[in-house]
Amino acid sequence: MSVDGGVVVTGGGRGVGRAIVERLARDGATVAVIEMDPAALQWVADRPEIVAVIGDAADPGVTEQAAAAVPGPLTGWVNNAAVFRDAWLHEDPAAVADLIGRNLHPVIAGSAAALRAGCPAIVNVSSHQAQRAVRGALPYATAKAAIEGLTRATAVDYGPRGVRVNAVALGSIAAERSDAHMAGLAPAAAEHFTREIAALQPLGRMGRTAEVAEVVAFLLSDAASFLNGAIIPVDGGRSAQGRDPEEV
């Protein structure tokens, strides 16, 4: 199972995005990475198979630039860029709407660029929160639910043209953000966090970025040639589990 040709990954400088870029490049793909922060792409300086595109993934000009940056046919597009920031609807509805847009608009712009370029496979990165919201994260959960709807609708509209569109819905994945959160916790709080993760995700741990990258690579590959409009949970069983109030 491999992905060749050219692939664009948005938000590919750190965390899950970087793992996806590394996985695809290892398989021989030329990968254009869209990032707003140039510092997040310092690691690609000596990697000729990875092309840095600095800019906002919601900007159609940036997405078109990325699509044109890879030589040969564009064979895959990964919409990974996201903003995770809490906001309360009763306090600042404008901020909530803005945050929803900042998560949704890059997926719309990226998918449009991929379709115009004749790209046959698109993968959107969603979250378990699209189905089960975490308190205080309304903008993020709402945007991810919209992204899953967009995934299915795009698959239906463009499947007849030979385009496959799928999504991965992530559980808690160990990356820079979670590492920073853990580092800021007192020992007792860190122990509580670890227990909660074990209770929420039946595999008893956080996921690894490389595990997400493997699923994305599969979805972009010919091995997934009849998979379209699917939302794949990559969450250690979190979405399958119901918490039992009687369990001790």
Protein backbone atom coordinates (compact mmCIF):
# COMPACT_ATOMS: atom_id res chain seq x y z
CA MET A 1 0.00 0.00 0.00
CA SER A 2 1.56 3.28 -1.08
CA VAL A 3 0.70 6.78 -2.21
CA ASP A 4 2.75 8.26 -5.02
CA GLY A 5 2.41 11.36 -7.17
CA GLY A 6 1.72 14.67 -5.45
CA VAL A 7 -0.20 15.25 -2.23
CA VAL A 8 -1.16 18.44 -0.38
CA VAL A 9 -1.46 18.42 3.41
CA THR A 10 -2.81 21.47 5.22
CA GLY A 11 -1.56 22.21 8.72
CA GLY A 12 1.27 19.78 8.12
CA GLY A 13 4.02 21.39 10.17
CA ARG A 14 3.35 19.80 13.54
CA GLY A 15 1.59 16.95 15.30
CA VAL A 16 -0.78 14.79 13.29
CA GLY A 17 -0.19 16.83 10.14
CA ARG A 18 3.55 16.35 10.25
CA ALA A 19 3.15 12.61 10.84
CA ILE A 20 0.95 12.42 7.75
CA VAL A 21 3.49 14.35 5.69
CA GLU A 22 6.36 12.12 6.86
CA ARG A 23 4.38 8.96 6.11
CA LEU A 24 3.43 10.03 2.60
CA ALA A 25 6.93 11.29 1.77
CA ARG A 26 8.41 8.00 2.97
CA ASP A 27 6.25 6.22 0.40
CA GLY A 28 7.63 8.35 -2.42
CA ALA A 29 5.01 11.09 -2.70
CA THR A 30 5.97 14.71 -3.22
CA VAL A 31 4.12 16.59 -0.49
CA ALA A 32 3.18 20.27 -0.47
CA VAL A 33 2.57 21.43 3.10
CA ILE A 34 0.42 24.48 3.85
CA GLU A 35 1.32 26.20 7.12
CA MET A 36 0.74 29.68 8.48
CA ASP A 37 3.79 29.59 10.78
CA PRO A 38 7.14 29.39 8.92
CA ALA A 39 8.81 28.15 12.11
CA ALA A 40 6.68 25.01 11.97
CA LEU A 41 8.31 24.05 8.67
CA GLN A 42 11.98 24.55 9.48
CA TRP A 43 12.39 20.77 9.49
CA VAL A 44 11.61 20.55 5.72
CA ALA A 45 14.59 22.72 4.69
CA ASP A 46 16.70 19.74 3.60
CA ARG A 47 13.81 17.62 2.32
CA PRO A 48 13.42 18.17 -1.45
CA GLU A 49 10.39 15.87 -1.54
CA ILE A 50 8.50 18.25 0.77
CA VAL A 51 7.47 21.69 -0.49
CA ALA A 52 6.63 24.42 2.04
CA VAL A 53 3.73 26.72 1.21
CA ILE A 54 3.36 29.49 3.78
CA GLY A 55 -0.12 30.92 4.11
CA ASP A 56 -3.68 30.45 5.27
CA ALA A 57 -5.27 27.18 4.14
CA ALA A 58 -8.60 29.02 3.89
CA ASP A 59 -7.19 31.33 1.20
CA PRO A 60 -8.03 30.01 -2.30
CA GLY A 61 -4.86 31.62 -3.64
CA VAL A 62 -2.76 29.62 -1.18
CA THR A 63 -4.53 26.35 -1.94
CA GLU A 64 -4.08 26.90 -5.68
CA GLN A 65 -0.40 27.61 -5.09
CA ALA A 66 -0.06 24.36 -3.16
CA ALA A 67 -1.83 22.37 -5.86
CA ALA A 68 0.58 23.76 -8.44
CA ALA A 69 3.64 23.19 -6.24
CA VAL A 70 3.80 19.43 -6.70
CA PRO A 71 5.20 18.04 -9.96
CA GLY A 72 3.11 15.59 -11.90
CA PRO A 73 -0.46 14.62 -11.09
CA LEU A 74 -2.07 15.59 -7.79
CA THR A 75 -3.14 12.24 -6.33
CA GLY A 76 -4.25 13.19 -2.81
CA TRP A 77 -5.32 16.06 -0.58
CA VAL A 78 -5.50 16.05 3.23
CA ASN A 79 -7.47 18.78 4.99
CA ASN A 80 -5.90 18.75 8.44
CA ALA A 81 -5.53 22.42 9.43
CA ALA A 82 -7.61 23.29 12.50
CA VAL A 83 -7.95 25.77 15.36
CA PHE A 84 -8.87 24.50 18.81
CA ARG A 85 -10.04 27.31 21.05
CA ASP A 86 -12.86 27.44 23.56
CA ALA A 87 -15.64 30.03 23.30
CA TRP A 88 -19.03 30.34 24.96
CA LEU A 89 -22.05 31.10 22.78
CA HIS A 90 -23.80 33.31 25.35
CA GLU A 91 -20.69 35.45 25.83
CA ASP A 92 -19.52 36.10 22.28
CA PRO A 93 -21.54 34.60 19.42
CA ALA A 94 -19.41 36.45 16.87
CA ALA A 95 -16.28 34.75 18.21
CA VAL A 96 -18.03 31.39 18.05
CA ALA A 97 -19.03 31.96 14.42
CA ASP A 98 -15.50 33.08 13.57
CA LEU A 99 -13.96 29.97 15.12
CA ILE A 100 -16.39 27.70 13.31
CA GLY A 101 -15.38 29.37 10.06
CA ARG A 102 -11.68 29.13 10.82
CA ASN A 103 -12.05 25.35 11.09
CA LEU A 104 -14.51 24.85 8.22
CA HIS A 105 -13.28 27.30 5.58
CA PRO A 106 -9.88 25.60 5.04
CA VAL A 107 -11.67 22.33 4.27
CA ILE A 108 -13.93 24.04 1.75
CA ALA A 109 -11.04 25.88 0.08
CA GLY A 110 -8.82 22.81 0.07
CA SER A 111 -11.50 20.51 -1.31
CA ALA A 112 -12.36 23.01 -4.05
CA ALA A 113 -8.71 23.30 -5.09
CA ALA A 114 -8.33 19.52 -5.08
CA LEU A 115 -11.42 19.07 -7.24
CA ARG A 116 -10.33 21.72 -9.73
CA ALA A 117 -6.94 20.01 -10.02
CA GLY A 118 -8.54 16.65 -10.76
CA CYS A 119 -7.36 15.09 -7.50
CA PRO A 120 -8.99 11.64 -7.06
CA ALA A 121 -8.76 11.27 -3.27
CA ILE A 122 -9.48 13.71 -0.43
CA VAL A 123 -9.21 12.98 3.30
CA ASN A 124 -10.65 15.36 5.88
CA VAL A 125 -9.55 15.27 9.50
CA SER A 126 -12.49 15.31 11.90
CA SER A 127 -12.85 14.49 15.59
CA HIS A 128 -14.89 12.36 17.97
CA GLN A 129 -16.35 15.71 19.01
CA ALA A 130 -18.40 15.83 15.81
CA GLN A 131 -20.65 13.26 17.49
CA ARG A 132 -19.91 13.73 21.19
CA ALA A 133 -19.08 17.31 22.10
CA VAL A 134 -16.78 18.20 24.97
CA ARG A 135 -18.14 20.95 27.21
CA GLY A 136 -16.78 24.38 26.27
CA ALA A 137 -15.64 23.36 22.78
CA LEU A 138 -18.80 24.32 20.87
CA PRO A 139 -17.06 26.01 17.89
CA TYR A 140 -14.71 23.08 17.30
CA ALA A 141 -17.40 20.41 17.70
CA THR A 142 -19.79 22.30 15.41
CA ALA A 143 -17.17 22.77 12.71
CA LYS A 144 -16.16 19.10 12.83
CA ALA A 145 -19.79 18.03 12.49
CA ALA A 146 -20.05 20.28 9.42
CA ILE A 147 -16.84 18.79 8.02
CA GLU A 148 -18.31 15.30 8.30
CA GLY A 149 -21.43 16.47 6.48
CA LEU A 150 -19.25 18.09 3.83
CA THR A 151 -17.31 14.84 3.47
CA ARG A 152 -20.44 12.82 2.74
CA ALA A 153 -21.98 15.44 0.43
CA THR A 154 -18.77 15.89 -1.56
CA ALA A 155 -18.44 12.13 -1.92
CA VAL A 156 -21.98 11.97 -3.32
CA ASP A 157 -21.55 14.94 -5.67
CA TYR A 158 -18.14 13.97 -7.06
CA GLY A 159 -18.08 10.18 -6.78
CA PRO A 160 -19.49 9.96 -10.33
CA ARG A 161 -16.36 11.81 -11.46
CA GLY A 162 -14.12 9.21 -9.83
CA VAL A 163 -13.34 11.29 -6.73
CA ARG A 164 -13.28 9.60 -3.31
CA VAL A 165 -13.79 11.73 -0.20
CA ASN A 166 -13.43 10.26 3.29
CA ALA A 167 -12.67 11.48 6.79
CA VAL A 168 -10.89 10.29 9.91
CA ALA A 169 -12.53 11.12 13.25
CA LEU A 170 -9.77 11.29 15.83
CA GLY A 171 -9.93 10.50 19.51
CA SER A 172 -7.30 11.83 21.91
CA ILE A 173 -3.97 11.76 20.10
CA ALA A 174 -0.64 12.39 21.82
CA ALA A 175 0.98 15.42 20.18
CA GLU A 176 2.46 18.79 21.11
CA ARG A 177 -0.83 20.16 22.43
CA SER A 178 -1.48 17.22 24.75
CA ASP A 179 2.16 17.16 25.84
CA ALA A 180 1.95 20.83 26.79
CA HIS A 181 -1.28 20.19 28.68
CA MET A 182 0.24 17.31 30.63
CA ALA A 183 3.38 19.29 31.40
CA GLY A 184 1.28 22.01 33.03
CA LEU A 185 -0.55 19.65 35.36
CA ALA A 186 0.26 18.88 38.96
CA PRO A 187 1.06 15.18 39.59
CA ALA A 188 -2.41 14.41 40.95
CA ALA A 189 -4.10 16.12 38.00
CA ALA A 190 -1.84 14.31 35.53
CA GLU A 191 -2.75 10.99 37.14
CA HIS A 192 -6.45 11.88 36.87
CA PHE A 193 -6.03 12.79 33.18
CA THR A 194 -4.32 9.46 32.48
CA ARG A 195 -7.12 7.56 34.25
CA GLU A 196 -9.77 9.44 32.26
CA ILE A 197 -8.09 8.65 28.95
CA ALA A 198 -7.95 4.97 29.92
CA ALA A 199 -11.66 5.07 30.80
CA LEU A 200 -12.71 6.92 27.64
CA GLN A 201 -10.67 4.98 25.09
CA PRO A 202 -11.00 1.19 25.49
CA LEU A 203 -7.42 0.59 24.32
CA GLY A 204 -6.45 2.42 27.50
CA ARG A 205 -4.14 5.03 26.03
CA MET A 206 -3.88 8.03 23.75
CA GLY A 207 -3.36 7.43 20.06
CA ARG A 208 -0.09 8.06 18.26
CA THR A 209 0.25 10.49 15.38
CA ALA A 210 1.85 7.74 13.30
CA GLU A 211 -1.27 5.61 13.77
CA VAL A 212 -3.41 8.37 12.30
CA ALA A 213 -0.98 8.77 9.41
CA GLU A 214 -1.27 5.08 8.51
CA VAL A 215 -5.06 5.33 8.19
CA VAL A 216 -4.82 8.49 6.09
CA ALA A 217 -2.25 6.85 3.80
CA PHE A 218 -4.59 3.89 3.36
CA LEU A 219 -7.53 6.13 2.48
CA LEU A 220 -5.47 7.94 -0.16
CA SER A 221 -4.18 4.70 -1.67
CA ASP A 222 -5.66 2.40 -4.29
CA ALA A 223 -6.24 -0.13 -1.51
CA ALA A 224 -9.23 2.02 -0.49
CA SER A 225 -10.54 2.35 -4.04
CA PHE A 226 -14.16 1.49 -3.11
CA LEU A 227 -14.26 3.50 0.11
CA ASN A 228 -16.14 6.76 -0.34
CA GLY A 229 -18.12 9.02 2.00
CA ALA A 230 -16.89 7.15 5.07
CA ILE A 231 -16.07 8.60 8.48
CA ILE A 232 -13.42 6.33 10.01
CA PRO A 233 -13.00 6.55 13.81
CA VAL A 234 -9.33 6.53 14.80
CA ASP A 235 -10.04 6.69 18.50
CA GLY A 236 -9.12 3.44 20.21
CA GLY A 237 -12.81 2.54 20.49
CA ARG A 238 -13.90 5.79 22.14
CA SER A 239 -16.88 6.27 19.83
CA ALA A 240 -18.05 2.68 20.39
CA GLN A 241 -18.04 2.74 24.17
CA GLY A 242 -20.88 3.67 26.48
CA ARG A 243 -19.91 4.60 30.03
CA ASP A 244 -21.69 2.39 32.57
CA PRO A 245 -22.83 4.36 35.65
CA GLU A 246 -22.99 1.11 37.63
CA GLU A 247 -19.39 0.19 36.89
CA VAL A 248 -17.11 0.50 39.91
